[in-house]
N, C-alpha and C. Protein backbone atom coordinates (compact mmCIF):
# COMPACT_ATOMS: atom_id res chain seq x y z
N MET A 1 36.76 5.27 -22.01
CA MET A 1 36.18 3.95 -22.13
C MET A 1 35.75 3.41 -20.77
N ARG A 2 36.56 3.62 -19.74
CA ARG A 2 36.22 3.15 -18.40
C ARG A 2 34.94 3.82 -17.90
N LYS A 3 34.81 5.11 -18.20
CA LYS A 3 33.62 5.84 -17.77
C LYS A 3 32.38 5.27 -18.44
N LEU A 4 32.48 4.94 -19.71
CA LEU A 4 31.35 4.38 -20.44
C LEU A 4 30.94 3.03 -19.86
N VAL A 5 31.90 2.18 -19.57
CA VAL A 5 31.61 0.87 -18.98
C VAL A 5 30.97 1.06 -17.61
N PHE A 6 31.51 1.96 -16.82
CA PHE A 6 30.96 2.23 -15.49
C PHE A 6 29.51 2.71 -15.58
N LEU A 7 29.25 3.64 -16.51
CA LEU A 7 27.89 4.16 -16.67
C LEU A 7 26.93 3.08 -17.13
N CYS A 8 27.36 2.23 -18.02
CA CYS A 8 26.50 1.13 -18.49
C CYS A 8 26.19 0.15 -17.37
N LEU A 9 27.19 -0.23 -16.60
CA LEU A 9 26.97 -1.15 -15.48
C LEU A 9 26.07 -0.52 -14.42
N THR A 10 26.26 0.76 -14.15
CA THR A 10 25.42 1.45 -13.17
C THR A 10 23.97 1.48 -13.64
N ALA A 11 23.76 1.74 -14.92
CA ALA A 11 22.41 1.77 -15.47
C ALA A 11 21.74 0.40 -15.36
N VAL A 12 22.48 -0.66 -15.62
CA VAL A 12 21.93 -2.02 -15.53
C VAL A 12 21.54 -2.33 -14.09
N VAL A 13 22.38 -1.99 -13.15
CA VAL A 13 22.09 -2.26 -11.74
C VAL A 13 20.88 -1.46 -11.27
N LEU A 14 20.82 -0.21 -11.61
CA LEU A 14 19.71 0.64 -11.15
C LEU A 14 18.38 0.24 -11.76
N THR A 15 18.38 -0.21 -12.98
CA THR A 15 17.12 -0.60 -13.62
C THR A 15 16.68 -1.99 -13.23
N SER A 16 17.54 -2.78 -12.60
CA SER A 16 17.15 -4.14 -12.21
C SER A 16 16.69 -4.22 -10.76
N ILE A 17 16.74 -3.12 -10.02
CA ILE A 17 16.27 -3.11 -8.63
C ILE A 17 14.76 -3.00 -8.65
N PRO A 18 14.05 -3.98 -8.07
CA PRO A 18 12.58 -3.93 -8.10
C PRO A 18 12.04 -2.86 -7.16
N VAL A 19 10.99 -2.21 -7.59
CA VAL A 19 10.32 -1.21 -6.75
C VAL A 19 9.30 -1.94 -5.91
N GLN A 20 9.34 -1.76 -4.59
CA GLN A 20 8.48 -2.50 -3.69
C GLN A 20 7.15 -1.82 -3.41
N ALA A 21 7.06 -0.53 -3.68
CA ALA A 21 5.83 0.19 -3.36
C ALA A 21 5.57 1.27 -4.40
N GLU A 22 4.32 1.69 -4.43
CA GLU A 22 3.95 2.78 -5.31
C GLU A 22 3.04 3.72 -4.53
N TYR A 23 3.06 5.00 -4.91
CA TYR A 23 2.24 6.00 -4.25
C TYR A 23 0.96 6.19 -5.05
N VAL A 24 -0.17 6.14 -4.37
CA VAL A 24 -1.46 6.39 -4.99
C VAL A 24 -1.87 7.80 -4.60
N ARG A 25 -2.08 8.66 -5.61
CA ARG A 25 -2.46 10.04 -5.33
C ARG A 25 -3.87 10.11 -4.76
N GLY A 26 -4.13 11.17 -3.98
CA GLY A 26 -5.45 11.40 -3.45
C GLY A 26 -6.45 11.56 -4.59
N HIS A 27 -7.68 11.11 -4.34
CA HIS A 27 -8.69 11.17 -5.40
C HIS A 27 -10.10 11.16 -4.79
N TYR A 28 -11.07 11.48 -5.60
CA TYR A 28 -12.47 11.42 -5.19
C TYR A 28 -13.06 10.10 -5.67
N ARG A 29 -13.81 9.44 -4.79
CA ARG A 29 -14.54 8.24 -5.18
C ARG A 29 -15.77 8.66 -5.98
N SER A 30 -16.42 7.68 -6.58
CA SER A 30 -17.60 7.97 -7.41
C SER A 30 -18.75 8.56 -6.59
N ASN A 31 -18.74 8.30 -5.25
CA ASN A 31 -19.80 8.86 -4.40
C ASN A 31 -19.43 10.24 -3.85
N GLY A 32 -18.29 10.79 -4.29
CA GLY A 32 -17.89 12.13 -3.89
C GLY A 32 -16.99 12.19 -2.67
N THR A 33 -16.66 11.06 -2.06
CA THR A 33 -15.80 11.02 -0.88
C THR A 33 -14.34 11.18 -1.29
N TRP A 34 -13.60 12.03 -0.55
CA TRP A 34 -12.18 12.23 -0.81
C TRP A 34 -11.36 11.14 -0.12
N VAL A 35 -10.41 10.55 -0.84
CA VAL A 35 -9.49 9.55 -0.29
C VAL A 35 -8.10 10.17 -0.34
N ASP A 36 -7.43 10.26 0.83
CA ASP A 36 -6.07 10.79 0.88
C ASP A 36 -5.11 9.87 0.14
N GLY A 37 -4.00 10.41 -0.34
CA GLY A 37 -2.98 9.62 -0.99
C GLY A 37 -2.34 8.66 0.00
N TYR A 38 -1.83 7.53 -0.52
CA TYR A 38 -1.23 6.53 0.35
C TYR A 38 -0.23 5.69 -0.44
N ASN A 39 0.63 4.97 0.28
CA ASN A 39 1.57 4.05 -0.33
C ASN A 39 0.99 2.64 -0.26
N ARG A 40 1.18 1.88 -1.33
CA ARG A 40 0.74 0.49 -1.33
C ARG A 40 1.79 -0.37 -1.99
N SER A 41 1.77 -1.67 -1.66
CA SER A 41 2.70 -2.58 -2.31
C SER A 41 2.27 -2.74 -3.77
N ASN A 42 3.23 -3.03 -4.62
CA ASN A 42 2.94 -3.18 -6.04
C ASN A 42 2.02 -4.37 -6.29
N ARG A 43 1.19 -4.28 -7.30
CA ARG A 43 0.31 -5.38 -7.67
C ARG A 43 1.15 -6.50 -8.27
N ASN A 44 0.83 -7.73 -7.84
CA ASN A 44 1.56 -8.86 -8.40
C ASN A 44 0.73 -10.13 -8.42
N GLY A 45 -0.57 -10.03 -8.21
CA GLY A 45 -1.44 -11.19 -8.31
C GLY A 45 -1.54 -12.04 -7.05
N THR A 46 -0.93 -11.62 -5.96
CA THR A 46 -1.03 -12.36 -4.70
C THR A 46 -1.34 -11.41 -3.58
N LYS A 47 -2.05 -11.91 -2.56
CA LYS A 47 -2.35 -11.08 -1.39
C LYS A 47 -1.35 -11.33 -0.26
N LEU A 48 -0.48 -12.32 -0.42
CA LEU A 48 0.40 -12.72 0.67
C LEU A 48 1.40 -11.66 1.08
N ASP A 49 1.81 -10.78 0.18
CA ASP A 49 2.82 -9.79 0.51
C ASP A 49 2.26 -8.37 0.60
N ASN A 50 0.94 -8.23 0.63
CA ASN A 50 0.35 -6.90 0.77
C ASN A 50 0.55 -6.38 2.19
N TYR A 51 0.67 -5.06 2.33
CA TYR A 51 0.89 -4.47 3.65
C TYR A 51 -0.24 -4.79 4.62
N SER A 52 -1.46 -4.94 4.12
CA SER A 52 -2.61 -5.12 5.00
C SER A 52 -2.88 -6.58 5.35
N THR A 53 -2.10 -7.53 4.81
CA THR A 53 -2.32 -8.95 5.08
C THR A 53 -1.71 -9.33 6.42
N GLN A 54 -2.40 -10.23 7.14
CA GLN A 54 -1.91 -10.70 8.45
C GLN A 54 -0.48 -11.22 8.32
N GLY A 55 0.35 -10.88 9.29
CA GLY A 55 1.75 -11.29 9.28
C GLY A 55 2.67 -10.26 8.67
N ASN A 56 2.12 -9.29 7.98
CA ASN A 56 2.91 -8.22 7.38
C ASN A 56 2.63 -6.91 8.11
N TYR A 57 3.42 -5.91 7.83
CA TYR A 57 3.16 -4.58 8.38
C TYR A 57 3.49 -3.53 7.34
N ASN A 58 2.87 -2.38 7.48
CA ASN A 58 3.10 -1.27 6.57
C ASN A 58 4.26 -0.45 7.09
N PRO A 59 5.39 -0.40 6.37
CA PRO A 59 6.55 0.34 6.86
C PRO A 59 6.33 1.86 6.89
N TYR A 60 5.32 2.34 6.19
CA TYR A 60 5.04 3.77 6.16
C TYR A 60 4.20 4.22 7.35
N THR A 61 3.33 3.33 7.83
CA THR A 61 2.45 3.69 8.95
C THR A 61 2.80 2.94 10.23
N GLY A 62 3.53 1.82 10.11
CA GLY A 62 3.88 1.01 11.27
C GLY A 62 2.74 0.10 11.72
N LYS A 63 1.62 0.07 10.98
CA LYS A 63 0.47 -0.75 11.37
C LYS A 63 0.65 -2.19 10.89
N LYS A 64 0.18 -3.14 11.72
CA LYS A 64 0.21 -4.55 11.37
C LYS A 64 -0.96 -4.87 10.45
N GLY A 65 -0.75 -5.84 9.58
CA GLY A 65 -1.81 -6.28 8.67
C GLY A 65 -2.88 -7.05 9.42
N THR A 66 -4.12 -6.86 9.04
CA THR A 66 -5.25 -7.52 9.70
C THR A 66 -6.11 -8.35 8.76
N HIS A 67 -5.88 -8.26 7.46
CA HIS A 67 -6.73 -8.96 6.50
C HIS A 67 -6.20 -10.36 6.24
N SER A 68 -7.13 -11.31 6.05
CA SER A 68 -6.76 -12.68 5.73
C SER A 68 -6.27 -12.75 4.29
N ALA A 69 -5.31 -13.61 4.03
CA ALA A 69 -4.78 -13.75 2.68
C ALA A 69 -5.70 -14.61 1.82
N TRP A 70 -6.63 -15.29 2.42
CA TRP A 70 -7.51 -16.19 1.66
C TRP A 70 -8.85 -15.63 1.70
């Protein structure tokens, strides 16, 4: 019984942790240009927390954001 409770609680905790980034696989654009795969912040309807927005930085590349949020 203790193992079952432990497993249930562990599952709840692990499924409630939000994922902060997603990996975009490499692909070809419609003009035939190859784009390498990259990590990006999850879509959420705001530009304020994107890696490329001023005041933020990309933890995967170490680059500071340069784009305006507005």
